[in-house]
Amino acid sequence: MSRLETSNESLGGRGPVRSCIVCRGRFPKQALTRHVWQDGLTPDQAFILPGRGYYCCSGAACAANFPKRVRAARKGKGEDKRDEA
């Protein structure tokens, strides 16, 4: 089973599962880093900050491309326009 085809049961079967915004791999929520947009990307180590969370796995390539992918995701949702208003 590939990383993209994993189910919650194959990932331990317990707890929430999230996708890395870069590689689209599915991982247990606690295995990823979460960031929210608050005047820029803000790490949310406790997973409690309000707002849209952007998750990234620990892969070096993913960490390098993470800011670019978040900007693209925000632009696609029209969120950049709201920040400027």
Protein backbone atom coordinates (compact mmCIF):
# COMPACT_ATOMS: atom_id res chain seq x y z
CA MET A 1 0.00 0.00 0.00
CA SER A 2 1.50 3.36 -0.99
CA ARG A 3 1.68 6.33 1.31
CA LEU A 4 -1.21 7.98 -0.54
CA GLU A 5 -3.41 4.91 -0.13
CA THR A 6 -2.92 4.50 3.60
CA SER A 7 -5.94 4.28 5.83
CA ASN A 8 -6.35 5.36 9.42
CA GLU A 9 -6.16 1.68 10.43
CA SER A 10 -2.77 1.18 8.78
CA LEU A 11 -1.47 4.34 10.48
CA GLY A 12 -2.17 3.00 13.94
CA GLY A 13 -5.96 3.14 13.76
CA ARG A 14 -6.28 5.80 16.42
CA GLY A 15 -6.48 9.54 16.24
CA PRO A 16 -6.77 12.02 13.42
CA VAL A 17 -4.84 11.74 10.17
CA ARG A 18 -3.66 14.77 8.18
CA SER A 19 -1.95 15.25 4.81
CA CYS A 20 1.33 17.03 4.16
CA ILE A 21 0.55 20.02 1.91
CA VAL A 22 3.70 19.35 -0.16
CA CYS A 23 3.95 15.58 -0.74
CA ARG A 24 0.28 14.78 0.03
CA GLY A 25 1.39 11.90 2.24
CA ARG A 26 -1.01 10.91 5.03
CA PHE A 27 0.37 10.82 8.56
CA PRO A 28 -0.91 10.82 12.14
CA LYS A 29 -1.59 14.45 13.10
CA GLN A 30 1.04 14.47 15.85
CA ALA A 31 3.77 13.41 13.38
CA LEU A 32 3.36 16.62 11.35
CA THR A 33 4.19 20.24 12.05
CA ARG A 34 1.24 22.64 11.90
CA HIS A 35 1.43 26.28 10.89
CA VAL A 36 -1.27 28.96 10.70
CA TRP A 37 -1.24 32.31 8.94
CA GLN A 38 -0.96 35.22 11.40
CA ASP A 39 0.93 38.03 9.63
CA GLY A 40 3.06 35.26 8.13
CA LEU A 41 3.48 31.57 8.83
CA THR A 42 3.35 30.90 12.56
CA PRO A 43 4.28 27.47 13.96
CA ASP A 44 1.55 25.92 16.10
CA GLN A 45 3.36 23.32 18.18
CA ALA A 46 0.41 22.82 20.55
CA PHE A 47 -2.15 22.45 17.70
CA ILE A 48 -4.42 25.06 19.32
CA LEU A 49 -4.11 28.30 17.34
CA PRO A 50 -7.26 29.39 15.51
CA GLY A 51 -7.41 29.45 11.75
CA ARG A 52 -6.62 27.25 8.80
CA GLY A 53 -3.82 24.84 9.61
CA TYR A 54 -1.15 23.92 7.07
CA TYR A 55 0.63 20.65 7.80
CA CYS A 56 4.12 19.56 6.73
CA CYS A 57 5.94 16.27 7.22
CA SER A 58 9.56 16.05 8.33
CA GLY A 59 11.01 15.43 4.84
CA ALA A 60 13.77 17.83 3.80
CA ALA A 61 12.23 18.45 0.37
CA CYS A 62 8.85 19.14 1.94
CA ALA A 63 10.30 21.59 4.46
CA ALA A 64 12.09 23.45 1.65
CA ASN A 65 8.95 23.75 -0.50
CA PHE A 66 6.46 24.31 2.34
CA PRO A 67 6.29 28.16 2.25
CA LYS A 68 5.78 28.15 -1.52
CA ARG A 69 2.97 25.60 -1.30
CA VAL A 70 1.22 27.53 1.49
CA ARG A 71 1.30 30.74 -0.56
CA ALA A 72 -0.17 28.87 -3.53
CA ALA A 73 -2.89 27.33 -1.36
CA ARG A 74 -3.79 30.70 0.17
CA LYS A 75 -3.90 32.39 -3.22
CA GLY A 76 -6.18 29.67 -4.59
CA LYS A 77 -8.64 30.25 -1.75
CA GLY A 78 -8.60 34.04 -2.18
CA GLU A 79 -7.17 34.52 1.30
CA ASP A 80 -4.51 37.00 0.16
CA LYS A 81 -7.25 39.45 -0.78
CA ARG A 82 -8.73 39.27 2.72
CA ASP A 83 -5.33 39.99 4.31
CA GLU A 84 -4.93 43.21 2.34
CA ALA A 85 -8.40 44.63 3.08
